[in-house]
Amino acid sequence: MICTNDTPCDVTICAPSVVAGLRSVGAIEPLSNQDGVVPVREKLLVDTGVSRVLIGFDEDIPDPVMSAFGHMSLPSNSACDAYVLAQRLADKTGIAPRGETPVRVGDDMLVPQLKLAITESVLEFADDLLLHAAVVVHDSGRAMLLVGGPGAGKSTLATALGTAGFTLAGDDIAILKKDGSVFAIPFPSTLKTGSWELLGAKQDEISAADIHLRPDGKYVKYLAVDKEAALTPRQVGWVVFLDRQNDETPTVCAQPVPQTISELISQVWTGTSDLTIDEFRALAACVNDATCFRLHYSDLTMAVAALRDFCTESVRDI
């Protein structure tokens, strides 16, 4: 049970003498960071599919936080796995997982810092492989993984595909289960400044979104994804490695399975330095029935059309 300033507590349970007695025997612990106890006024419980993270605020939940994470929310009286505390300190907010040292950020960095804190819980509680990849869902029900390094355009292309017959499940972390199926952490898609004018079908949503500053100095906007689509495990139909070039007509080049697995390994987080046999088998199962290829592209609209047509042909041939 978490007592808040706006929620009356049961006086028989929360009387100071009772609380002191329970704390003295270790039955309860206050929500605190390294700076001390954080009084919680409002709570936001977010579901990552791997963990449930309760974010406690010592003031009203800021609107930009709800805009970014509201689609991930659960009833705040549900069980949680981890706590993140947000405490207002003059013109900054201290963000920290429970018991840790807060990072003080300005309002424009609040949401990116909360996302980092939530990601820490994903890394802590994940039992399966984590892939750095975007996930979109074809209307056949199969998933497409978009893989590429910084600047490859994963988020922009995934968001554009979400307006062209696919469903955007996630643009950051995919969870690879032991049977080779995947689901996505339903973080909002992250769009950098250069992409805002490219996504015509999303202009109203992009224009209304708040601007945030990431720790790497990039300005971004966040758009909600389909949580149900994100958290539903699916077989992978396509693994696409992105290679963005200047002034190049989209070309699709088949990629051998061994090379695909090797490149996917470079995008994996396991919590350890080496893959286990089961984890390697999961990767093999993921690509076993998938079409694996590299997409060389420059123009976003042409890339979307190329992928849509390619998937349509692939489904037709099954």
C-alpha atoms as a PDB file:
ATOM      1  CA  MET A   1       0.000   0.000   0.000  1.00  0.00           C
ATOM      2  CA  ILE A   2       1.215   3.498  -0.875  1.00  0.00           C
ATOM      3  CA  CYS A   3      -0.213   6.462   0.989  1.00  0.00           C
ATOM      4  CA  THR A   4      -0.517   9.703  -0.908  1.00  0.00           C
ATOM      5  CA  ASN A   5      -1.324  13.221   0.126  1.00  0.00           C
ATOM      6  CA  ASP A   6      -4.704  13.038  -1.600  1.00  0.00           C
ATOM      7  CA  THR A   7      -5.750   9.565  -0.451  1.00  0.00           C
ATOM      8  CA  PRO A   8      -6.842   9.191   3.179  1.00  0.00           C
ATOM      9  CA  CYS A   9      -5.098   6.277   4.856  1.00  0.00           C
ATOM     10  CA  ASP A  10      -6.589   3.780   7.276  1.00  0.00           C
ATOM     11  CA  VAL A  11      -5.753   5.421  10.604  1.00  0.00           C
ATOM     12  CA  THR A  12      -5.529   2.040  12.319  1.00  0.00           C
ATOM     13  CA  ILE A  13      -2.751   1.048   9.927  1.00  0.00           C
ATOM     14  CA  CYS A  14      -1.053   4.368   9.278  1.00  0.00           C
ATOM     15  CA  ALA A  15      -1.053   5.844  12.770  1.00  0.00           C
ATOM     16  CA  PRO A  16       2.467   7.154  13.443  1.00  0.00           C
ATOM     17  CA  SER A  17       3.061   4.649  16.247  1.00  0.00           C
ATOM     18  CA  VAL A  18       2.018   1.726  14.041  1.00  0.00           C
ATOM     19  CA  VAL A  19       4.155   2.924  11.142  1.00  0.00           C
ATOM     20  CA  ALA A  20       7.141   3.394  13.422  1.00  0.00           C
ATOM     21  CA  GLY A  21       6.716  -0.100  14.812  1.00  0.00           C
ATOM     22  CA  LEU A  22       6.442  -1.680  11.360  1.00  0.00           C
ATOM     23  CA  ARG A  23       9.532   0.200  10.159  1.00  0.00           C
ATOM     24  CA  SER A  24      11.511  -0.833  13.222  1.00  0.00           C
ATOM     25  CA  VAL A  25      11.040  -4.528  12.413  1.00  0.00           C
ATOM     26  CA  GLY A  26      11.610  -4.077   8.668  1.00  0.00           C
ATOM     27  CA  ALA A  27       7.999  -4.862   7.720  1.00  0.00           C
ATOM     28  CA  ILE A  28       7.710  -1.675   5.623  1.00  0.00           C
ATOM     29  CA  GLU A  29      10.145   0.719   4.045  1.00  0.00           C
ATOM     30  CA  PRO A  30       9.541   4.275   2.898  1.00  0.00           C
ATOM     31  CA  LEU A  31       9.807   5.207  -0.756  1.00  0.00           C
ATOM     32  CA  SER A  32      13.115   7.009  -0.833  1.00  0.00           C
ATOM     33  CA  ASN A  33      16.163   7.768  -2.911  1.00  0.00           C
ATOM     34  CA  GLN A  34      19.695   8.436  -1.723  1.00  0.00           C
ATOM     35  CA  ASP A  35      18.645  11.947  -0.689  1.00  0.00           C
ATOM     36  CA  GLY A  36      15.890  10.735   1.627  1.00  0.00           C
ATOM     37  CA  VAL A  37      12.179   9.937   1.717  1.00  0.00           C
ATOM     38  CA  VAL A  38      10.126  11.156  -1.263  1.00  0.00           C
ATOM     39  CA  PRO A  39       6.514  12.076  -0.438  1.00  0.00           C
ATOM     40  CA  VAL A  40       4.300  10.575  -3.150  1.00  0.00           C
ATOM     41  CA  ARG A  41       1.318  12.612  -4.266  1.00  0.00           C
ATOM     42  CA  GLU A  42       0.433  10.923  -7.564  1.00  0.00           C
ATOM     43  CA  LYS A  43       1.365   7.607  -9.162  1.00  0.00           C
ATOM     44  CA  LEU A  44       1.684   6.293 -12.703  1.00  0.00           C
ATOM     45  CA  LEU A  45       2.053   2.542 -13.198  1.00  0.00           C
ATOM     46  CA  VAL A  46       3.454   1.593 -16.610  1.00  0.00           C
ATOM     47  CA  ASP A  47       3.479  -1.860 -18.166  1.00  0.00           C
ATOM     48  CA  THR A  48       6.534  -2.707 -20.259  1.00  0.00           C
ATOM     49  CA  GLY A  49       5.537  -6.308 -20.891  1.00  0.00           C
ATOM     50  CA  VAL A  50       8.597  -7.373 -18.903  1.00  0.00           C
ATOM     51  CA  SER A  51       8.062  -5.381 -15.723  1.00  0.00           C
ATOM     52  CA  ARG A  52       5.548  -3.081 -14.122  1.00  0.00           C
ATOM     53  CA  VAL A  53       7.123   0.161 -12.990  1.00  0.00           C
ATOM     54  CA  LEU A  54       5.405   2.514 -10.565  1.00  0.00           C
ATOM     55  CA  ILE A  55       6.498   6.134 -10.967  1.00  0.00           C
ATOM     56  CA  GLY A  56       5.813   8.195  -7.853  1.00  0.00           C
ATOM     57  CA  PHE A  57       5.532  11.983  -8.160  1.00  0.00           C
ATOM     58  CA  ASP A  58       5.609  14.451  -5.288  1.00  0.00           C
ATOM     59  CA  GLU A  59       3.350  16.782  -7.299  1.00  0.00           C
ATOM     60  CA  ASP A  60       0.772  16.497 -10.078  1.00  0.00           C
ATOM     61  CA  ILE A  61       1.872  14.279 -12.961  1.00  0.00           C
ATOM     62  CA  PRO A  62       3.110  16.634 -15.711  1.00  0.00           C
ATOM     63  CA  ASP A  63       1.059  16.548 -18.915  1.00  0.00           C
ATOM     64  CA  PRO A  64       4.085  15.643 -21.109  1.00  0.00           C
ATOM     65  CA  VAL A  65       4.617  12.518 -18.991  1.00  0.00           C
ATOM     66  CA  MET A  66       1.032  11.380 -19.529  1.00  0.00           C
ATOM     67  CA  SER A  67       1.294  12.142 -23.240  1.00  0.00           C
ATOM     68  CA  ALA A  68       4.395   9.953 -23.512  1.00  0.00           C
ATOM     69  CA  PHE A  69       3.502   7.069 -21.213  1.00  0.00           C
ATOM     70  CA  GLY A  70      -0.258   7.204 -20.739  1.00  0.00           C
ATOM     71  CA  HIS A  71      -0.844   4.445 -23.314  1.00  0.00           C
ATOM     72  CA  MET A  72       1.359   2.134 -21.189  1.00  0.00           C
ATOM     73  CA  SER A  73      -0.539   2.779 -17.957  1.00  0.00           C
ATOM     74  CA  LEU A  74      -2.277   0.302 -15.664  1.00  0.00           C
ATOM     75  CA  PRO A  75      -4.519   0.905 -12.636  1.00  0.00           C
ATOM     76  CA  SER A  76      -2.152   2.265  -9.993  1.00  0.00           C
ATOM     77  CA  ASN A  77      -3.346  -0.248  -7.380  1.00  0.00           C
ATOM     78  CA  SER A  78      -1.970  -3.140  -9.445  1.00  0.00           C
ATOM     79  CA  ALA A  79       1.163  -4.978  -8.331  1.00  0.00           C
ATOM     80  CA  CYS A  80       4.478  -3.521  -9.439  1.00  0.00           C
ATOM     81  CA  ASP A  81       8.029  -4.804  -9.820  1.00  0.00           C
ATOM     82  CA  ALA A  82      10.014  -1.599  -9.476  1.00  0.00           C
ATOM     83  CA  TYR A  83       9.718   2.000  -8.332  1.00  0.00           C
ATOM     84  CA  VAL A  84      10.957   5.224  -9.891  1.00  0.00           C
ATOM     85  CA  LEU A  85      10.675   8.443  -7.889  1.00  0.00           C
ATOM     86  CA  ALA A  86      10.267  11.935  -9.344  1.00  0.00           C
ATOM     87  CA  GLN A  87      10.807  14.769  -6.867  1.00  0.00           C
ATOM     88  CA  ARG A  88      10.567  18.451  -7.740  1.00  0.00           C
ATOM     89  CA  LEU A  89      13.597  20.445  -6.611  1.00  0.00           C
ATOM     90  CA  ALA A  90      13.252  24.151  -7.477  1.00  0.00           C
ATOM     91  CA  ASP A  91      13.357  24.348 -11.295  1.00  0.00           C
ATOM     92  CA  LYS A  92      14.494  20.733 -11.772  1.00  0.00           C
ATOM     93  CA  THR A  93      13.159  17.248 -11.059  1.00  0.00           C
ATOM     94  CA  GLY A  94      15.212  14.518  -9.436  1.00  0.00           C
ATOM     95  CA  ILE A  95      14.651  11.129 -11.115  1.00  0.00           C
ATOM     96  CA  ALA A  96      15.870   7.913  -9.520  1.00  0.00           C
ATOM     97  CA  PRO A  97      14.926   4.274  -9.105  1.00  0.00           C
ATOM     98  CA  ARG A  98      14.099   3.582  -5.480  1.00  0.00           C
ATOM     99  CA  GLY A  99      17.177   3.775  -3.260  1.00  0.00           C
ATOM    100  CA  GLU A 100      19.430   5.323  -5.902  1.00  0.00           C
ATOM    101  CA  THR A 101      20.944   8.761  -6.410  1.00  0.00           C
ATOM    102  CA  PRO A 102      18.584  11.089  -8.298  1.00  0.00           C
ATOM    103  CA  VAL A 103      19.528  12.649 -11.612  1.00  0.00           C
ATOM    104  CA  ARG A 104      18.337  16.268 -11.685  1.00  0.00           C
ATOM    105  CA  VAL A 105      16.945  17.388 -15.014  1.00  0.00           C
ATOM    106  CA  GLY A 106      15.021  20.318 -16.435  1.00  0.00           C
ATOM    107  CA  ASP A 107      11.450  20.015 -17.662  1.00  0.00           C
ATOM    108  CA  ASP A 108      12.535  19.357 -21.257  1.00  0.00           C
ATOM    109  CA  MET A 109      14.598  16.333 -20.172  1.00  0.00           C
ATOM    110  CA  LEU A 110      12.072  14.843 -17.751  1.00  0.00           C
ATOM    111  CA  VAL A 111      10.432  12.347 -20.107  1.00  0.00           C
ATOM    112  CA  PRO A 112      13.685  11.048 -21.674  1.00  0.00           C
ATOM    113  CA  GLN A 113      15.145  10.534 -18.184  1.00  0.00           C
ATOM    114  CA  LEU A 114      12.037   8.657 -17.052  1.00  0.00           C
ATOM    115  CA  LYS A 115      12.303   6.458 -20.138  1.00  0.00           C
ATOM    116  CA  LEU A 116      15.899   5.629 -19.191  1.00  0.00           C
ATOM    117  CA  ALA A 117      14.808   4.726 -15.661  1.00  0.00           C
ATOM    118  CA  ILE A 118      12.014   2.487 -16.976  1.00  0.00           C
ATOM    119  CA  THR A 119      14.463   0.867 -19.385  1.00  0.00           C
ATOM    120  CA  GLU A 120      16.676  -0.056 -16.429  1.00  0.00           C
ATOM    121  CA  SER A 121      13.826  -2.130 -15.011  1.00  0.00           C
ATOM    122  CA  VAL A 122      13.371  -3.850 -18.376  1.00  0.00           C
ATOM    123  CA  LEU A 123      17.044  -4.829 -18.358  1.00  0.00           C
ATOM    124  CA  GLU A 124      16.774  -6.028 -14.766  1.00  0.00           C
ATOM    125  CA  PHE A 125      13.653  -8.162 -15.123  1.00  0.00           C
ATOM    126  CA  ALA A 126      13.954  -9.518 -18.673  1.00  0.00           C
ATOM    127  CA  ASP A 127      14.316 -13.297 -18.855  1.00  0.00           C
ATOM    128  CA  ASP A 128      14.553 -13.377 -22.646  1.00  0.00           C
ATOM    129  CA  LEU A 129      16.836 -11.816 -25.230  1.00  0.00           C
ATOM    130  CA  LEU A 130      16.482  -8.109 -25.914  1.00  0.00           C
ATOM    131  CA  LEU A 131      16.989  -6.895 -29.474  1.00  0.00           C
ATOM    132  CA  HIS A 132      17.592  -3.284 -30.440  1.00  0.00           C
ATOM    133  CA  ALA A 133      15.056  -3.223 -33.256  1.00  0.00           C
ATOM    134  CA  ALA A 134      11.794  -1.653 -34.358  1.00  0.00           C
ATOM    135  CA  VAL A 135       8.753  -3.899 -34.713  1.00  0.00           C
ATOM    136  CA  VAL A 136       5.855  -3.384 -37.096  1.00  0.00           C
ATOM    137  CA  VAL A 137       3.013  -5.828 -37.637  1.00  0.00           C
ATOM    138  CA  HIS A 138       1.782  -6.822 -41.093  1.00  0.00           C
ATOM    139  CA  ASP A 139      -1.940  -7.431 -41.584  1.00  0.00           C
ATOM    140  CA  SER A 140      -1.087 -11.137 -41.889  1.00  0.00           C
ATOM    141  CA  GLY A 141      -0.286 -11.011 -38.166  1.00  0.00           C
ATOM    142  CA  ARG A 142       3.439 -11.568 -38.615  1.00  0.00           C
ATOM    143  CA  ALA A 143       6.075  -9.165 -37.373  1.00  0.00           C
ATOM    144  CA  MET A 144       8.734  -7.300 -39.288  1.00  0.00           C
ATOM    145  CA  LEU A 145      11.965  -6.425 -37.508  1.00  0.00           C
ATOM    146  CA  LEU A 146      13.748  -3.268 -38.646  1.00  0.00           C
ATOM    147  CA  VAL A 147      17.409  -3.349 -37.647  1.00  0.00           C
ATOM    148  CA  GLY A 148      20.020  -0.666 -38.085  1.00  0.00           C
ATOM    149  CA  GLY A 149      22.517   1.531 -36.337  1.00  0.00           C
ATOM    150  CA  PRO A 150      22.086   5.175 -35.306  1.00  0.00           C
ATOM    151  CA  GLY A 151      20.871   7.259 -38.228  1.00  0.00           C
ATOM    152  CA  ALA A 152      19.548   4.289 -40.188  1.00  0.00           C
ATOM    153  CA  GLY A 153      16.006   5.619 -39.852  1.00  0.00           C
ATOM    154  CA  LYS A 154      14.380   2.802 -37.851  1.00  0.00           C
ATOM    155  CA  SER A 155      11.932   5.004 -35.961  1.00  0.00           C
ATOM    156  CA  THR A 156      10.995   7.190 -38.907  1.00  0.00           C
ATOM    157  CA  LEU A 157      10.501   4.242 -41.261  1.00  0.00           C
ATOM    158  CA  ALA A 158       8.582   2.243 -38.635  1.00  0.00           C
ATOM    159  CA  THR A 159       6.291   5.212 -37.958  1.00  0.00           C
ATOM    160  CA  ALA A 160       5.730   5.729 -41.683  1.00  0.00           C
ATOM    161  CA  LEU A 161       4.890   2.034 -42.117  1.00  0.00           C
ATOM    162  CA  GLY A 162       2.361   2.493 -39.312  1.00  0.00           C
ATOM    163  CA  THR A 163       0.415   4.791 -41.642  1.00  0.00           C
ATOM    164  CA  ALA A 164       0.710   2.467 -44.647  1.00  0.00           C
ATOM    165  CA  GLY A 165      -1.101  -0.705 -43.638  1.00  0.00           C
ATOM    166  CA  PHE A 166       1.205  -1.920 -40.880  1.00  0.00           C
ATOM    167  CA  THR A 167       0.768  -1.466 -37.128  1.00  0.00           C
ATOM    168  CA  LEU A 168       3.620   0.164 -35.226  1.00  0.00           C
ATOM    169  CA  ALA A 169       4.361  -1.945 -32.153  1.00  0.00           C
ATOM    170  CA  GLY A 170       7.647  -0.385 -31.020  1.00  0.00           C
ATOM    171  CA  ASP A 171      10.759   1.339 -32.316  1.00  0.00           C
ATOM    172  CA  ASP A 172      13.307   0.592 -29.620  1.00  0.00           C
ATOM    173  CA  ILE A 173      13.400  -2.801 -27.883  1.00  0.00           C
ATOM    174  CA  ALA A 174      12.060  -6.149 -29.071  1.00  0.00           C
ATOM    175  CA  ILE A 175      11.860  -9.140 -26.738  1.00  0.00           C
ATOM    176  CA  LEU A 176      12.865 -12.417 -28.382  1.00  0.00           C
ATOM    177  CA  LYS A 177      11.191 -15.372 -26.706  1.00  0.00           C
ATOM    178  CA  LYS A 178      12.604 -18.880 -26.622  1.00  0.00           C
ATOM    179  CA  ASP A 179      10.285 -20.092 -29.394  1.00  0.00           C
ATOM    180  CA  GLY A 180      11.546 -17.370 -31.741  1.00  0.00           C
ATOM    181  CA  SER A 181       8.490 -15.136 -31.448  1.00  0.00           C
ATOM    182  CA  VAL A 182       8.866 -11.464 -30.563  1.00  0.00           C
ATOM    183  CA  PHE A 183       6.976  -8.693 -28.862  1.00  0.00           C
ATOM    184  CA  ALA A 184       7.900  -5.049 -28.409  1.00  0.00           C
ATOM    185  CA  ILE A 185       8.350  -2.881 -25.352  1.00  0.00           C
ATOM    186  CA  PRO A 186       5.516  -0.366 -25.946  1.00  0.00           C
ATOM    187  CA  PHE A 187       7.630   2.741 -25.478  1.00  0.00           C
ATOM    188  CA  PRO A 188       6.384   5.679 -27.561  1.00  0.00           C
ATOM    189  CA  SER A 189       8.122   6.010 -30.900  1.00  0.00           C
ATOM    190  CA  THR A 190      10.971   8.523 -30.820  1.00  0.00           C
ATOM    191  CA  LEU A 191      11.148  10.999 -33.692  1.00  0.00           C
ATOM    192  CA  LYS A 192      14.155  13.275 -34.122  1.00  0.00           C
ATOM    193  CA  THR A 193      13.863  16.768 -35.565  1.00  0.00           C
ATOM    194  CA  GLY A 194      14.779  15.755 -39.108  1.00  0.00           C
ATOM    195  CA  SER A 195      11.833  13.383 -39.371  1.00  0.00           C
ATOM    196  CA  TRP A 196       9.034  15.684 -38.224  1.00  0.00           C
ATOM    197  CA  GLU A 197       8.363  17.131 -41.677  1.00  0.00           C
ATOM    198  CA  LEU A 198       8.661  13.779 -43.459  1.00  0.00           C
ATOM    199  CA  LEU A 199       5.645  12.075 -41.892  1.00  0.00           C
ATOM    200  CA  GLY A 200       2.756  13.817 -43.605  1.00  0.00           C
ATOM    201  CA  ALA A 201       0.081  11.439 -42.334  1.00  0.00           C
ATOM    202  CA  LYS A 202       1.193  12.139 -38.761  1.00  0.00           C
ATOM    203  CA  GLN A 203       1.504  15.922 -38.990  1.00  0.00           C
ATOM    204  CA  ASP A 204      -1.367  16.758 -36.653  1.00  0.00           C
ATOM    205  CA  GLU A 205      -0.088  14.358 -34.000  1.00  0.00           C
ATOM    206  CA  ILE A 206       3.511  15.513 -34.405  1.00  0.00           C
ATOM    207  CA  SER A 207       2.555  19.198 -34.252  1.00  0.00           C
ATOM    208  CA  ALA A 208       0.676  18.622 -30.987  1.00  0.00           C
ATOM    209  CA  ALA A 209       3.485  16.613 -29.371  1.00  0.00           C
ATOM    210  CA  ASP A 210       5.877  18.140 -26.840  1.00  0.00           C
ATOM    211  CA  ILE A 211       9.542  18.650 -27.668  1.00  0.00           C
ATOM    212  CA  HIS A 212      11.996  16.839 -25.388  1.00  0.00           C
ATOM    213  CA  LEU A 213      15.767  16.981 -24.999  1.00  0.00           C
ATOM    214  CA  ARG A 214      17.563  13.651 -24.663  1.00  0.00           C
ATOM    215  CA  PRO A 215      20.802  13.257 -22.707  1.00  0.00           C
ATOM    216  CA  ASP A 216      22.655  12.913 -26.035  1.00  0.00           C
ATOM    217  CA  GLY A 217      21.583  16.443 -26.995  1.00  0.00           C
ATOM    218  CA  LYS A 218      18.995  15.356 -29.588  1.00  0.00           C
ATOM    219  CA  TYR A 219      15.579  17.021 -29.630  1.00  0.00           C
ATOM    220  CA  VAL A 220      12.776  14.495 -30.067  1.00  0.00           C
ATOM    221  CA  LYS A 221       9.015  14.070 -30.006  1.00  0.00           C
ATOM    222  CA  TYR A 222       7.235  10.980 -28.719  1.00  0.00           C
ATOM    223  CA  LEU A 223       4.175   9.362 -30.316  1.00  0.00           C
ATOM    224  CA  ALA A 224       2.157   6.618 -28.639  1.00  0.00           C
ATOM    225  CA  VAL A 225       2.159   3.119 -30.132  1.00  0.00           C
ATOM    226  CA  ASP A 226      -0.472   0.372 -30.080  1.00  0.00           C
ATOM    227  CA  LYS A 227       0.117  -1.300 -26.703  1.00  0.00           C
ATOM    228  CA  GLU A 228      -1.944  -4.399 -27.477  1.00  0.00           C
ATOM    229  CA  ALA A 229      -0.104  -4.946 -30.750  1.00  0.00           C
ATOM    230  CA  ALA A 230       3.218  -4.384 -28.996  1.00  0.00           C
ATOM    231  CA  LEU A 231       2.686  -6.900 -26.196  1.00  0.00           C
ATOM    232  CA  THR A 232       1.305  -9.728 -28.358  1.00  0.00           C
ATOM    233  CA  PRO A 233       4.068 -12.261 -29.213  1.00  0.00           C
ATOM    234  CA  ARG A 234       4.265 -12.915 -32.956  1.00  0.00           C
ATOM    235  CA  GLN A 235       6.263 -15.016 -35.352  1.00  0.00           C
ATOM    236  CA  VAL A 236       8.747 -12.997 -37.400  1.00  0.00           C
ATOM    237  CA  GLY A 237       8.000 -12.867 -41.098  1.00  0.00           C
ATOM    238  CA  TRP A 238      10.721 -10.440 -42.170  1.00  0.00           C
ATOM    239  CA  VAL A 239      14.059  -9.251 -40.823  1.00  0.00           C
ATOM    240  CA  VAL A 240      15.148  -6.042 -42.555  1.00  0.00           C
ATOM    241  CA  PHE A 241      18.589  -4.495 -42.145  1.00  0.00           C
ATOM    242  CA  LEU A 242      18.508  -0.824 -43.052  1.00  0.00           C
ATOM    243  CA  ASP A 243      21.212   0.902 -45.057  1.00  0.00           C
ATOM    244  CA  ARG A 244      20.322   4.525 -45.735  1.00  0.00           C
ATOM    245  CA  GLN A 245      22.232   6.081 -48.609  1.00  0.00           C
ATOM    246  CA  ASN A 246      22.108   9.411 -50.408  1.00  0.00           C
ATOM    247  CA  ASP A 247      20.055   9.578 -53.610  1.00  0.00           C
ATOM    248  CA  GLU A 248      19.507   5.855 -53.962  1.00  0.00           C
ATOM    249  CA  THR A 249      16.449   4.085 -55.362  1.00  0.00           C
ATOM    250  CA  PRO A 250      15.289   1.442 -52.862  1.00  0.00           C
ATOM    251  CA  THR A 251      16.839  -1.943 -53.505  1.00  0.00           C
ATOM    252  CA  VAL A 252      16.201  -5.189 -51.647  1.00  0.00           C
ATOM    253  CA  CYS A 253      19.068  -7.683 -51.343  1.00  0.00           C
ATOM    254  CA  ALA A 254      18.592 -11.130 -49.842  1.00  0.00           C
ATOM    255  CA  GLN A 255      20.756 -11.846 -46.829  1.00  0.00           C
ATOM    256  CA  PRO A 256      21.988 -15.332 -45.852  1.00  0.00           C
ATOM    257  CA  VAL A 257      20.768 -16.734 -42.546  1.00  0.00           C
ATOM    258  CA  PRO A 258      24.274 -17.025 -40.977  1.00  0.00           C
ATOM    259  CA  GLN A 259      24.959 -13.348 -41.728  1.00  0.00           C
ATOM    260  CA  THR A 260      21.520 -12.410 -40.391  1.00  0.00           C
ATOM    261  CA  ILE A 261      22.126 -14.232 -37.114  1.00  0.00           C
ATOM    262  CA  SER A 262      25.588 -12.692 -36.811  1.00  0.00           C
ATOM    263  CA  GLU A 263      24.225  -9.175 -37.279  1.00  0.00           C
ATOM    264  CA  LEU A 264      21.336  -9.786 -34.894  1.00  0.00           C
ATOM    265  CA  ILE A 265      23.802 -10.924 -32.243  1.00  0.00           C
ATOM    266  CA  SER A 266      25.406  -7.482 -32.454  1.00  0.00           C
ATOM    267  CA  GLN A 267      22.011  -5.973 -31.542  1.00  0.00           C
ATOM    268  CA  VAL A 268      21.353  -8.296 -28.577  1.00  0.00           C
ATOM    269  CA  TRP A 269      21.427  -7.536 -24.869  1.00  0.00           C
ATOM    270  CA  THR A 270      21.529 -10.595 -22.596  1.00  0.00           C
ATOM    271  CA  GLY A 271      22.897  -9.278 -19.316  1.00  0.00           C
ATOM    272  CA  THR A 272      25.971 -11.441 -19.845  1.00  0.00           C
ATOM    273  CA  SER A 273      28.837 -11.395 -22.309  1.00  0.00           C
ATOM    274  CA  ASP A 274      27.952 -14.622 -24.122  1.00  0.00           C
ATOM    275  CA  LEU A 275      24.825 -16.184 -25.581  1.00  0.00           C
ATOM    276  CA  THR A 276      23.625 -19.439 -24.062  1.00  0.00           C
ATOM    277  CA  ILE A 277      22.696 -22.365 -26.299  1.00  0.00           C
ATOM    278  CA  ASP A 278      18.989 -21.659 -25.663  1.00  0.00           C
ATOM    279  CA  GLU A 279      19.431 -18.012 -26.604  1.00  0.00           C
ATOM    280  CA  PHE A 280      21.226 -18.939 -29.812  1.00  0.00           C
ATOM    281  CA  ARG A 281      18.414 -21.390 -30.606  1.00  0.00           C
ATOM    282  CA  ALA A 282      15.895 -18.596 -30.047  1.00  0.00           C
ATOM    283  CA  LEU A 283      17.712 -16.459 -32.627  1.00  0.00           C
ATOM    284  CA  ALA A 284      17.771 -19.369 -35.060  1.00  0.00           C
ATOM    285  CA  ALA A 285      14.050 -19.998 -34.516  1.00  0.00           C
ATOM    286  CA  CYS A 286      13.358 -16.304 -35.088  1.00  0.00           C
ATOM    287  CA  VAL A 287      14.900 -16.266 -38.570  1.00  0.00           C
ATOM    288  CA  ASN A 288      14.038 -19.855 -39.512  1.00  0.00           C
ATOM    289  CA  ASP A 289      10.807 -18.989 -41.330  1.00  0.00           C
ATOM    290  CA  ALA A 290      11.576 -15.316 -41.927  1.00  0.00           C
ATOM    291  CA  THR A 291      12.642 -13.599 -45.111  1.00  0.00           C
ATOM    292  CA  CYS A 292      15.903 -11.798 -44.353  1.00  0.00           C
ATOM    293  CA  PHE A 293      17.188  -8.969 -46.511  1.00  0.00           C
ATOM    294  CA  ARG A 294      18.944  -5.613 -46.581  1.00  0.00           C
ATOM    295  CA  LEU A 295      17.119  -2.501 -47.732  1.00  0.00           C
ATOM    296  CA  HIS A 296      19.229   0.231 -49.339  1.00  0.00           C
ATOM    297  CA  TYR A 297      17.200   3.423 -49.507  1.00  0.00           C
ATOM    298  CA  SER A 298      17.189   7.184 -49.450  1.00  0.00           C
ATOM    299  CA  ASP A 299      13.608   8.387 -49.966  1.00  0.00           C
ATOM    300  CA  LEU A 300      11.198   7.507 -47.130  1.00  0.00           C
ATOM    301  CA  THR A 301       8.058   7.259 -49.267  1.00  0.00           C
ATOM    302  CA  MET A 302       9.761   4.987 -51.781  1.00  0.00           C
ATOM    303  CA  ALA A 303      11.143   2.796 -48.984  1.00  0.00           C
ATOM    304  CA  VAL A 304       7.679   2.363 -47.470  1.00  0.00           C
ATOM    305  CA  ALA A 305       6.258   1.400 -50.871  1.00  0.00           C
ATOM    306  CA  ALA A 306       9.099  -1.070 -51.484  1.00  0.00           C
ATOM    307  CA  LEU A 307       8.599  -2.819 -48.144  1.00  0.00           C
ATOM    308  CA  ARG A 308       4.820  -2.891 -48.489  1.00  0.00           C
ATOM    309  CA  ASP A 309       5.032  -4.400 -51.976  1.00  0.00           C
ATOM    310  CA  PHE A 310       7.697  -6.891 -50.925  1.00  0.00           C
ATOM    311  CA  CYS A 311       5.605  -8.124 -47.977  1.00  0.00           C
ATOM    312  CA  THR A 312       2.486  -8.374 -50.140  1.00  0.00           C
ATOM    313  CA  GLU A 313       4.348 -10.567 -52.623  1.00  0.00           C
ATOM    314  CA  SER A 314       5.813 -12.686 -49.836  1.00  0.00           C
ATOM    315  CA  VAL A 315       2.380 -13.349 -48.299  1.00  0.00           C
ATOM    316  CA  ARG A 316       0.907 -14.117 -51.697  1.00  0.00           C
ATOM    317  CA  ASP A 317       3.614 -16.735 -52.306  1.00  0.00           C
ATOM    318  CA  ILE A 318       2.929 -18.595 -49.035  1.00  0.00           C
END
